Amino acid sequence: MDYYERIQNSIEYIEEHLQNELLITKVSSTSYFSVFHFQRLFHAITGFSVQQYIRNRRLSEAALLLETTSKNILEIAISFQYGSQEAFTRAFANYFGGTPSKYWKVKNTTPLQTKLNFLDYKIKGELTMNKPEIVYLKQKLITGYVYKTTLQDEKYFIDIPEFYFDFGKNQYYERISNKTAPNMAYGVSTQFQDDGRFSFIVGEEVAKYDISINDNFANTQIPEGKYAEFKIDGSVESVQNTRRYIYGVWLPNSNYERNNGPDFEITDVVNSVFPNTMKMKIYIPIK
């Protein structure tokens, strides 16, 4: 069963439970992905979050009930897991541009969210964009400064360049001992949370850890193993598009599974000029 079929299993589960409580842990488990990885794949492929999809499907089905049944607004609100008619009305108006009681006036302005078919997203034929090199890496020891961000609304795309800027502005690199490649900045994604939050460590590779580090610094390890290496020589926007491509196109259509461990990237800080000339590599653990 491929990535698309596995995610479609989750879509079927969502459809069967639109009027029940939907826990993201249970939704993701039906596709046999971790919660974090499931959300990242879903967003990268569709362009919107799992939570957005569930909300829009519920509101769309609620709109159909308003048109085709005699159920009142409160009944419909409660059946789709809204705690009150007021909460339902706010969500409905935000999506459709009008309240439930006036839906007939605006029903043709916002299309209903129909059930997704992930098999429609599958790429036919050869992939042409930015094929990675498959490499085997030895274990790497990284010391760096810990930042926090989230997958939600692609906030990490905005945050990560700011993390690098903050790391340089505050000269945190001066506090890292035993560096092996001072001109190469590492960015390591780790500590993934079920709600989409994760840590991003900006730092450098070291020969051994400095056990005396404090404040918001941390030691982390990049495991030995097989990685897909994506090379980038372009703007910050091309970096972001490559991240989207990896999870939205390449990984689901490749013959590889994402392995355990962190994603990470290496930036050649000497030869990179922010924001238009970024020379870097992004690594994804695979098996």
C-alpha atoms as a PDB file:
ATOM      1  CA  MET A   1       0.000   0.000   0.000  1.00  0.00           C
ATOM      2  CA  ASP A   2       1.535   3.353  -1.038  1.00  0.00           C
ATOM      3  CA  TYR A   3       1.428   6.748   0.691  1.00  0.00           C
ATOM      4  CA  TYR A   4      -1.715   7.891  -1.112  1.00  0.00           C
ATOM      5  CA  GLU A   5      -3.662   4.734  -0.309  1.00  0.00           C
ATOM      6  CA  ARG A   6      -2.614   4.954   3.332  1.00  0.00           C
ATOM      7  CA  ILE A   7      -3.738   8.578   3.630  1.00  0.00           C
ATOM      8  CA  GLN A   8      -6.980   7.680   1.840  1.00  0.00           C
ATOM      9  CA  ASN A   9      -7.648   5.195   4.651  1.00  0.00           C
ATOM     10  CA  SER A  10      -7.610   8.173   7.010  1.00  0.00           C
ATOM     11  CA  ILE A  11      -9.971  10.095   4.734  1.00  0.00           C
ATOM     12  CA  GLU A  12     -12.424   7.197   4.880  1.00  0.00           C
ATOM     13  CA  TYR A  13     -12.161   7.145   8.663  1.00  0.00           C
ATOM     14  CA  ILE A  14     -12.839  10.894   8.813  1.00  0.00           C
ATOM     15  CA  GLU A  15     -15.900  10.490   6.582  1.00  0.00           C
ATOM     16  CA  GLU A  16     -17.307   7.773   8.825  1.00  0.00           C
ATOM     17  CA  HIS A  17     -16.854   9.898  11.939  1.00  0.00           C
ATOM     18  CA  LEU A  18     -17.723  13.452  10.869  1.00  0.00           C
ATOM     19  CA  GLN A  19     -20.418  13.535  13.551  1.00  0.00           C
ATOM     20  CA  ASN A  20     -18.185  11.991  16.224  1.00  0.00           C
ATOM     21  CA  GLU A  21     -15.143  13.236  18.082  1.00  0.00           C
ATOM     22  CA  LEU A  22     -12.122  12.989  15.794  1.00  0.00           C
ATOM     23  CA  LEU A  23      -8.760  12.660  17.513  1.00  0.00           C
ATOM     24  CA  ILE A  24      -5.765  13.338  15.279  1.00  0.00           C
ATOM     25  CA  THR A  25      -3.943  10.414  16.917  1.00  0.00           C
ATOM     26  CA  LYS A  26      -6.660   8.018  15.760  1.00  0.00           C
ATOM     27  CA  VAL A  27      -6.968   9.610  12.305  1.00  0.00           C
ATOM     28  CA  SER A  28      -3.223   9.296  11.663  1.00  0.00           C
ATOM     29  CA  SER A  29      -3.049   5.739  13.028  1.00  0.00           C
ATOM     30  CA  THR A  30      -5.381   4.534  10.266  1.00  0.00           C
ATOM     31  CA  SER A  31      -2.693   5.506   7.742  1.00  0.00           C
ATOM     32  CA  TYR A  32       0.137   3.961   9.810  1.00  0.00           C
ATOM     33  CA  PHE A  33       2.027   7.257   9.996  1.00  0.00           C
ATOM     34  CA  SER A  34       3.108   9.124  13.102  1.00  0.00           C
ATOM     35  CA  VAL A  35       0.831  12.043  13.975  1.00  0.00           C
ATOM     36  CA  PHE A  36       3.446  14.649  13.040  1.00  0.00           C
ATOM     37  CA  HIS A  37       4.476  12.972   9.777  1.00  0.00           C
ATOM     38  CA  PHE A  38       0.840  12.419   8.754  1.00  0.00           C
ATOM     39  CA  GLN A  39       0.047  16.113   9.235  1.00  0.00           C
ATOM     40  CA  ARG A  40       3.171  17.177   7.356  1.00  0.00           C
ATOM     41  CA  LEU A  41       2.379  14.913   4.400  1.00  0.00           C
ATOM     42  CA  PHE A  42      -1.280  15.909   4.312  1.00  0.00           C
ATOM     43  CA  HIS A  43      -0.488  19.623   4.276  1.00  0.00           C
ATOM     44  CA  ALA A  44       2.349  19.301   1.769  1.00  0.00           C
ATOM     45  CA  ILE A  45       0.162  17.341  -0.665  1.00  0.00           C
ATOM     46  CA  THR A  46      -3.087  19.311  -0.346  1.00  0.00           C
ATOM     47  CA  GLY A  47      -1.964  22.788   0.736  1.00  0.00           C
ATOM     48  CA  PHE A  48      -4.202  22.822   3.822  1.00  0.00           C
ATOM     49  CA  SER A  49      -4.150  21.136   7.208  1.00  0.00           C
ATOM     50  CA  VAL A  50      -5.990  18.035   8.400  1.00  0.00           C
ATOM     51  CA  GLN A  51      -7.883  20.204  10.892  1.00  0.00           C
ATOM     52  CA  GLN A  52      -8.972  22.584   8.125  1.00  0.00           C
ATOM     53  CA  TYR A  53     -10.196  19.671   6.031  1.00  0.00           C
ATOM     54  CA  ILE A  54     -12.222  18.191   8.892  1.00  0.00           C
ATOM     55  CA  ARG A  55     -13.725  21.572   9.749  1.00  0.00           C
ATOM     56  CA  ASN A  56     -14.637  22.324   6.135  1.00  0.00           C
ATOM     57  CA  ARG A  57     -16.132  18.856   5.578  1.00  0.00           C
ATOM     58  CA  ARG A  58     -18.287  19.200   8.685  1.00  0.00           C
ATOM     59  CA  LEU A  59     -19.478  22.662   7.703  1.00  0.00           C
ATOM     60  CA  SER A  60     -20.201  21.489   4.162  1.00  0.00           C
ATOM     61  CA  GLU A  61     -22.261  18.547   5.391  1.00  0.00           C
ATOM     62  CA  ALA A  62     -24.013  20.852   7.842  1.00  0.00           C
ATOM     63  CA  ALA A  63     -24.907  23.193   4.984  1.00  0.00           C
ATOM     64  CA  LEU A  64     -26.450  20.297   3.072  1.00  0.00           C
ATOM     65  CA  LEU A  65     -28.551  19.393   6.114  1.00  0.00           C
ATOM     66  CA  LEU A  66     -29.768  22.976   6.349  1.00  0.00           C
ATOM     67  CA  GLU A  67     -30.968  22.714   2.752  1.00  0.00           C
ATOM     68  CA  THR A  68     -32.399  19.220   2.739  1.00  0.00           C
ATOM     69  CA  THR A  69     -33.783  18.581   6.247  1.00  0.00           C
ATOM     70  CA  SER A  70     -35.989  20.258   8.815  1.00  0.00           C
ATOM     71  CA  LYS A  71     -33.358  20.028  11.560  1.00  0.00           C
ATOM     72  CA  ASN A  72     -32.803  23.279  13.412  1.00  0.00           C
ATOM     73  CA  ILE A  73     -29.423  25.025  13.653  1.00  0.00           C
ATOM     74  CA  LEU A  74     -28.728  23.874  17.228  1.00  0.00           C
ATOM     75  CA  GLU A  75     -29.360  20.217  16.352  1.00  0.00           C
ATOM     76  CA  ILE A  76     -26.997  20.423  13.413  1.00  0.00           C
ATOM     77  CA  ALA A  77     -24.354  22.278  15.444  1.00  0.00           C
ATOM     78  CA  ILE A  78     -24.328  19.651  18.193  1.00  0.00           C
ATOM     79  CA  SER A  79     -24.278  16.773  15.713  1.00  0.00           C
ATOM     80  CA  PHE A  80     -21.065  18.113  14.147  1.00  0.00           C
ATOM     81  CA  GLN A  81     -19.257  18.473  17.471  1.00  0.00           C
ATOM     82  CA  TYR A  82     -19.816  22.197  18.068  1.00  0.00           C
ATOM     83  CA  GLY A  83     -20.352  23.014  21.715  1.00  0.00           C
ATOM     84  CA  SER A  84     -22.928  25.716  21.069  1.00  0.00           C
ATOM     85  CA  GLN A  85     -25.002  27.291  18.327  1.00  0.00           C
ATOM     86  CA  GLU A  86     -22.910  30.459  18.662  1.00  0.00           C
ATOM     87  CA  ALA A  87     -19.628  28.606  17.993  1.00  0.00           C
ATOM     88  CA  PHE A  88     -21.164  26.845  14.998  1.00  0.00           C
ATOM     89  CA  THR A  89     -22.572  30.094  13.615  1.00  0.00           C
ATOM     90  CA  ARG A  90     -19.174  31.833  13.850  1.00  0.00           C
ATOM     91  CA  ALA A  91     -17.386  28.963  12.076  1.00  0.00           C
ATOM     92  CA  PHE A  92     -20.130  28.748   9.443  1.00  0.00           C
ATOM     93  CA  ALA A  93     -20.026  32.477   8.725  1.00  0.00           C
ATOM     94  CA  ASN A  94     -16.226  32.455   8.482  1.00  0.00           C
ATOM     95  CA  TYR A  95     -16.348  29.685   5.889  1.00  0.00           C
ATOM     96  CA  PHE A  96     -19.414  30.607   3.838  1.00  0.00           C
ATOM     97  CA  GLY A  97     -19.566  34.364   4.370  1.00  0.00           C
ATOM     98  CA  GLY A  98     -23.022  34.251   5.920  1.00  0.00           C
ATOM     99  CA  THR A  99     -24.823  32.795   8.932  1.00  0.00           C
ATOM    100  CA  PRO A 100     -26.636  29.434   8.797  1.00  0.00           C
ATOM    101  CA  SER A 101     -30.018  31.165   8.841  1.00  0.00           C
ATOM    102  CA  LYS A 102     -29.056  33.113   5.700  1.00  0.00           C
ATOM    103  CA  TYR A 103     -27.150  30.352   3.925  1.00  0.00           C
ATOM    104  CA  TRP A 104     -29.590  30.426   0.996  1.00  0.00           C
ATOM    105  CA  LYS A 105     -28.262  33.900   0.131  1.00  0.00           C
ATOM    106  CA  VAL A 106     -24.583  32.924  -0.052  1.00  0.00           C
ATOM    107  CA  LYS A 107     -24.621  29.212  -0.913  1.00  0.00           C
ATOM    108  CA  ASN A 108     -23.264  29.752  -4.425  1.00  0.00           C
ATOM    109  CA  THR A 109     -20.322  31.948  -3.390  1.00  0.00           C
ATOM    110  CA  THR A 110     -18.263  29.309  -1.540  1.00  0.00           C
ATOM    111  CA  PRO A 111     -18.030  25.758  -2.900  1.00  0.00           C
ATOM    112  CA  LEU A 112     -18.658  22.893  -0.511  1.00  0.00           C
ATOM    113  CA  GLN A 113     -15.634  20.868   0.582  1.00  0.00           C
ATOM    114  CA  THR A 114     -16.141  17.476  -1.001  1.00  0.00           C
ATOM    115  CA  LYS A 115     -14.501  14.259   0.122  1.00  0.00           C
ATOM    116  CA  LEU A 116     -10.869  14.093  -1.005  1.00  0.00           C
ATOM    117  CA  ASN A 117      -9.529  11.291  -3.142  1.00  0.00           C
ATOM    118  CA  PHE A 118      -5.788  11.137  -2.556  1.00  0.00           C
ATOM    119  CA  LEU A 119      -5.301   8.811  -5.501  1.00  0.00           C
ATOM    120  CA  ASP A 120      -5.970  11.852  -7.697  1.00  0.00           C
ATOM    121  CA  TYR A 121      -2.796  13.455  -6.320  1.00  0.00           C
ATOM    122  CA  LYS A 122      -0.541  10.615  -7.433  1.00  0.00           C
ATOM    123  CA  ILE A 123       2.048  11.658 -10.011  1.00  0.00           C
ATOM    124  CA  LYS A 124       2.044   9.707 -13.273  1.00  0.00           C
ATOM    125  CA  GLY A 125       5.348   9.137 -15.059  1.00  0.00           C
ATOM    126  CA  GLU A 126       8.823  10.355 -14.133  1.00  0.00           C
ATOM    127  CA  LEU A 127       9.587  13.042 -11.569  1.00  0.00           C
ATOM    128  CA  THR A 128      11.731  15.760 -13.107  1.00  0.00           C
ATOM    129  CA  MET A 129      12.307  18.336 -10.352  1.00  0.00           C
ATOM    130  CA  ASN A 130      15.352  18.257  -8.117  1.00  0.00           C
ATOM    131  CA  LYS A 131      15.989  14.525  -7.844  1.00  0.00           C
ATOM    132  CA  PRO A 132      17.990  13.767  -4.714  1.00  0.00           C
ATOM    133  CA  GLU A 133      21.207  11.852  -4.348  1.00  0.00           C
ATOM    134  CA  ILE A 134      20.904   8.871  -2.012  1.00  0.00           C
ATOM    135  CA  VAL A 135      23.839   8.971   0.416  1.00  0.00           C
ATOM    136  CA  TYR A 136      24.997   7.082   3.500  1.00  0.00           C
ATOM    137  CA  LEU A 137      26.158   9.277   6.374  1.00  0.00           C
ATOM    138  CA  LYS A 138      28.114   8.523   9.503  1.00  0.00           C
ATOM    139  CA  GLN A 139      26.771   9.724  12.837  1.00  0.00           C
ATOM    140  CA  LYS A 140      27.091  13.492  13.386  1.00  0.00           C
ATOM    141  CA  LEU A 141      27.235  15.331  16.703  1.00  0.00           C
ATOM    142  CA  ILE A 142      25.580  18.764  16.664  1.00  0.00           C
ATOM    143  CA  THR A 143      25.589  21.536  19.250  1.00  0.00           C
ATOM    144  CA  GLY A 144      23.254  24.451  18.708  1.00  0.00           C
ATOM    145  CA  TYR A 145      20.645  26.886  19.911  1.00  0.00           C
ATOM    146  CA  VAL A 146      17.080  25.594  20.262  1.00  0.00           C
ATOM    147  CA  TYR A 147      14.168  27.448  18.638  1.00  0.00           C
ATOM    148  CA  LYS A 148      10.465  26.518  18.577  1.00  0.00           C
ATOM    149  CA  THR A 149       8.112  26.588  15.593  1.00  0.00           C
ATOM    150  CA  THR A 150       5.118  24.747  14.114  1.00  0.00           C
ATOM    151  CA  LEU A 151       3.770  23.207  10.929  1.00  0.00           C
ATOM    152  CA  GLN A 152       0.497  25.109  11.319  1.00  0.00           C
ATOM    153  CA  ASP A 153      -0.097  27.598   8.485  1.00  0.00           C
ATOM    154  CA  GLU A 154       3.474  26.886   7.306  1.00  0.00           C
ATOM    155  CA  LYS A 155       4.711  29.144  10.084  1.00  0.00           C
ATOM    156  CA  TYR A 156       8.066  27.371  10.061  1.00  0.00           C
ATOM    157  CA  PHE A 157       8.765  28.779   6.592  1.00  0.00           C
ATOM    158  CA  ILE A 158       8.720  32.257   8.125  1.00  0.00           C
ATOM    159  CA  ASP A 159      10.397  31.274  11.375  1.00  0.00           C
ATOM    160  CA  ILE A 160      13.428  29.300  10.170  1.00  0.00           C
ATOM    161  CA  PRO A 161      15.176  32.131   8.229  1.00  0.00           C
ATOM    162  CA  GLU A 162      14.627  34.333  11.311  1.00  0.00           C
ATOM    163  CA  PHE A 163      16.211  31.651  13.506  1.00  0.00           C
ATOM    164  CA  TYR A 164      19.387  31.705  11.405  1.00  0.00           C
ATOM    165  CA  PHE A 165      19.437  35.502  11.522  1.00  0.00           C
ATOM    166  CA  ASP A 166      19.022  35.500  15.296  1.00  0.00           C
ATOM    167  CA  PHE A 167      21.741  32.845  15.667  1.00  0.00           C
ATOM    168  CA  GLY A 168      24.200  35.015  13.736  1.00  0.00           C
ATOM    169  CA  LYS A 169      23.161  38.356  15.225  1.00  0.00           C
ATOM    170  CA  ASN A 170      23.693  37.062  18.755  1.00  0.00           C
ATOM    171  CA  GLN A 171      26.921  35.277  17.752  1.00  0.00           C
ATOM    172  CA  TYR A 172      25.765  32.054  19.347  1.00  0.00           C
ATOM    173  CA  TYR A 173      28.280  30.210  17.175  1.00  0.00           C
ATOM    174  CA  GLU A 174      31.042  31.721  19.336  1.00  0.00           C
ATOM    175  CA  ARG A 175      29.759  29.668  22.283  1.00  0.00           C
ATOM    176  CA  ILE A 176      30.147  26.323  20.512  1.00  0.00           C
ATOM    177  CA  SER A 177      33.343  24.414  21.261  1.00  0.00           C
ATOM    178  CA  ASN A 178      35.104  21.618  19.354  1.00  0.00           C
ATOM    179  CA  LYS A 179      33.715  22.652  15.948  1.00  0.00           C
ATOM    180  CA  THR A 180      34.700  20.485  12.971  1.00  0.00           C
ATOM    181  CA  ALA A 181      33.386  22.666  10.102  1.00  0.00           C
ATOM    182  CA  PRO A 182      32.956  26.289  11.259  1.00  0.00           C
ATOM    183  CA  ASN A 183      31.713  27.526   7.872  1.00  0.00           C
ATOM    184  CA  MET A 184      28.775  25.089   7.745  1.00  0.00           C
ATOM    185  CA  ALA A 185      25.612  25.908   9.694  1.00  0.00           C
ATOM    186  CA  TYR A 186      23.321  23.021  10.580  1.00  0.00           C
ATOM    187  CA  GLY A 187      19.564  23.242  11.018  1.00  0.00           C
ATOM    188  CA  VAL A 188      18.020  20.197  12.681  1.00  0.00           C
ATOM    189  CA  SER A 189      14.272  19.529  12.990  1.00  0.00           C
ATOM    190  CA  THR A 190      13.493  17.451  16.065  1.00  0.00           C
ATOM    191  CA  GLN A 191      11.191  16.897  19.059  1.00  0.00           C
ATOM    192  CA  PHE A 192       8.059  16.563  16.932  1.00  0.00           C
ATOM    193  CA  GLN A 193       4.753  17.089  18.773  1.00  0.00           C
ATOM    194  CA  ASP A 194       1.312  15.741  17.863  1.00  0.00           C
ATOM    195  CA  ASP A 195      -0.077  19.271  17.449  1.00  0.00           C
ATOM    196  CA  GLY A 196       2.520  20.155  14.791  1.00  0.00           C
ATOM    197  CA  ARG A 197       5.008  21.930  17.024  1.00  0.00           C
ATOM    198  CA  PHE A 198       8.678  21.012  16.770  1.00  0.00           C
ATOM    199  CA  SER A 199      12.128  22.247  17.730  1.00  0.00           C
ATOM    200  CA  PHE A 200      14.608  23.603  15.209  1.00  0.00           C
ATOM    201  CA  ILE A 201      18.227  23.595  16.346  1.00  0.00           C
ATOM    202  CA  VAL A 202      20.632  25.955  14.596  1.00  0.00           C
ATOM    203  CA  GLY A 203      24.219  24.986  15.276  1.00  0.00           C
ATOM    204  CA  GLU A 204      27.394  23.316  14.077  1.00  0.00           C
ATOM    205  CA  GLU A 205      28.939  19.878  13.897  1.00  0.00           C
ATOM    206  CA  VAL A 206      31.338  19.144  16.773  1.00  0.00           C
ATOM    207  CA  ALA A 207      33.998  16.526  17.461  1.00  0.00           C
ATOM    208  CA  LYS A 208      32.653  16.032  20.988  1.00  0.00           C
ATOM    209  CA  TYR A 209      29.945  17.575  23.124  1.00  0.00           C
ATOM    210  CA  ASP A 210      30.641  20.375  25.561  1.00  0.00           C
ATOM    211  CA  ILE A 211      28.788  19.192  28.673  1.00  0.00           C
ATOM    212  CA  SER A 212      28.959  22.670  30.205  1.00  0.00           C
ATOM    213  CA  ILE A 213      26.561  24.295  27.712  1.00  0.00           C
ATOM    214  CA  ASN A 214      23.527  25.993  29.235  1.00  0.00           C
ATOM    215  CA  ASP A 215      20.791  28.508  28.528  1.00  0.00           C
ATOM    216  CA  ASN A 216      18.872  27.397  25.438  1.00  0.00           C
ATOM    217  CA  PHE A 217      21.703  25.405  23.886  1.00  0.00           C
ATOM    218  CA  ALA A 218      21.443  21.666  23.320  1.00  0.00           C
ATOM    219  CA  ASN A 219      23.434  18.716  22.055  1.00  0.00           C
ATOM    220  CA  THR A 220      21.725  16.518  19.484  1.00  0.00           C
ATOM    221  CA  GLN A 221      22.702  13.607  17.287  1.00  0.00           C
ATOM    222  CA  ILE A 222      22.139  12.902  13.615  1.00  0.00           C
ATOM    223  CA  PRO A 223      22.008   9.094  13.338  1.00  0.00           C
ATOM    224  CA  GLU A 224      24.145   7.095  10.951  1.00  0.00           C
ATOM    225  CA  GLY A 225      22.165   5.844   7.997  1.00  0.00           C
ATOM    226  CA  LYS A 226      20.736   6.395   4.539  1.00  0.00           C
ATOM    227  CA  TYR A 227      19.536   9.877   3.526  1.00  0.00           C
ATOM    228  CA  ALA A 228      18.032  11.595   0.501  1.00  0.00           C
ATOM    229  CA  GLU A 229      20.203  14.658  -0.181  1.00  0.00           C
ATOM    230  CA  PHE A 230      18.580  17.616  -1.974  1.00  0.00           C
ATOM    231  CA  LYS A 231      20.981  20.294  -3.237  1.00  0.00           C
ATOM    232  CA  ILE A 232      19.837  23.911  -3.449  1.00  0.00           C
ATOM    233  CA  ASP A 233      21.536  26.878  -5.100  1.00  0.00           C
ATOM    234  CA  GLY A 234      18.993  29.680  -5.179  1.00  0.00           C
ATOM    235  CA  SER A 235      16.718  31.951  -3.200  1.00  0.00           C
ATOM    236  CA  VAL A 236      15.030  31.408   0.144  1.00  0.00           C
ATOM    237  CA  GLU A 237      11.851  30.810  -1.827  1.00  0.00           C
ATOM    238  CA  SER A 238      13.521  27.928  -3.670  1.00  0.00           C
ATOM    239  CA  VAL A 239      14.473  26.449  -0.287  1.00  0.00           C
ATOM    240  CA  GLN A 240      10.844  26.595   0.832  1.00  0.00           C
ATOM    241  CA  ASN A 241       9.618  25.127  -2.452  1.00  0.00           C
ATOM    242  CA  THR A 242      12.095  22.269  -2.091  1.00  0.00           C
ATOM    243  CA  ARG A 243      10.744  21.495   1.381  1.00  0.00           C
ATOM    244  CA  ARG A 244       7.212  21.438  -0.047  1.00  0.00           C
ATOM    245  CA  TYR A 245       8.361  19.265  -2.942  1.00  0.00           C
ATOM    246  CA  ILE A 246      10.077  16.715  -0.695  1.00  0.00           C
ATOM    247  CA  TYR A 247       6.961  15.882   1.305  1.00  0.00           C
ATOM    248  CA  GLY A 248       4.280  16.849  -1.180  1.00  0.00           C
ATOM    249  CA  VAL A 249       5.684  15.179  -4.291  1.00  0.00           C
ATOM    250  CA  TRP A 250       8.967  13.310  -4.033  1.00  0.00           C
ATOM    251  CA  LEU A 251       8.545  11.167  -0.935  1.00  0.00           C
ATOM    252  CA  PRO A 252       4.973   9.969  -1.672  1.00  0.00           C
ATOM    253  CA  ASN A 253       5.988   9.071  -5.237  1.00  0.00           C
ATOM    254  CA  SER A 254       9.377   7.542  -4.424  1.00  0.00           C
ATOM    255  CA  ASN A 255      10.175   3.970  -3.488  1.00  0.00           C
ATOM    256  CA  TYR A 256      11.390   5.080  -0.069  1.00  0.00           C
ATOM    257  CA  GLU A 257       9.845   5.356   3.377  1.00  0.00           C
ATOM    258  CA  ARG A 258      10.880   8.119   5.735  1.00  0.00           C
ATOM    259  CA  ASN A 259      13.039   6.594   8.458  1.00  0.00           C
ATOM    260  CA  ASN A 260      13.147   7.589  12.108  1.00  0.00           C
ATOM    261  CA  GLY A 261      15.327  10.520  13.057  1.00  0.00           C
ATOM    262  CA  PRO A 262      15.469  14.228  12.314  1.00  0.00           C
ATOM    263  CA  ASP A 263      15.423  16.079   9.023  1.00  0.00           C
ATOM    264  CA  PHE A 264      18.386  18.416   8.789  1.00  0.00           C
ATOM    265  CA  GLU A 265      20.008  20.911   6.464  1.00  0.00           C
ATOM    266  CA  ILE A 266      23.507  22.277   5.971  1.00  0.00           C
ATOM    267  CA  THR A 267      24.125  25.835   4.774  1.00  0.00           C
ATOM    268  CA  ASP A 268      27.433  26.977   3.312  1.00  0.00           C
ATOM    269  CA  VAL A 269      27.514  30.288   5.198  1.00  0.00           C
ATOM    270  CA  VAL A 270      30.606  31.634   3.403  1.00  0.00           C
ATOM    271  CA  ASN A 271      29.178  31.272  -0.095  1.00  0.00           C
ATOM    272  CA  SER A 272      25.522  32.026   0.719  1.00  0.00           C
ATOM    273  CA  VAL A 273      24.014  35.509   0.521  1.00  0.00           C
ATOM    274  CA  PHE A 274      20.567  35.886   2.108  1.00  0.00           C
ATOM    275  CA  PRO A 275      17.944  35.926   0.633  1.00  0.00           C
ATOM    276  CA  ASN A 276      18.772  35.370  -3.046  1.00  0.00           C
ATOM    277  CA  THR A 277      21.793  33.055  -3.104  1.00  0.00           C
ATOM    278  CA  MET A 278      21.469  30.159  -0.688  1.00  0.00           C
ATOM    279  CA  LYS A 279      23.860  27.241  -1.063  1.00  0.00           C
ATOM    280  CA  MET A 280      22.603  24.411   1.055  1.00  0.00           C
ATOM    281  CA  LYS A 281      21.616  20.758   1.243  1.00  0.00           C
ATOM    282  CA  ILE A 282      18.520  19.246   2.858  1.00  0.00           C
ATOM    283  CA  TYR A 283      18.670  15.674   4.181  1.00  0.00           C
ATOM    284  CA  ILE A 284      15.729  13.337   4.836  1.00  0.00           C
ATOM    285  CA  PRO A 285      16.301   9.978   6.615  1.00  0.00           C
ATOM    286  CA  ILE A 286      14.986   7.152   4.439  1.00  0.00           C
ATOM    287  CA  LYS A 287      14.824   3.376   4.312  1.00  0.00           C
END
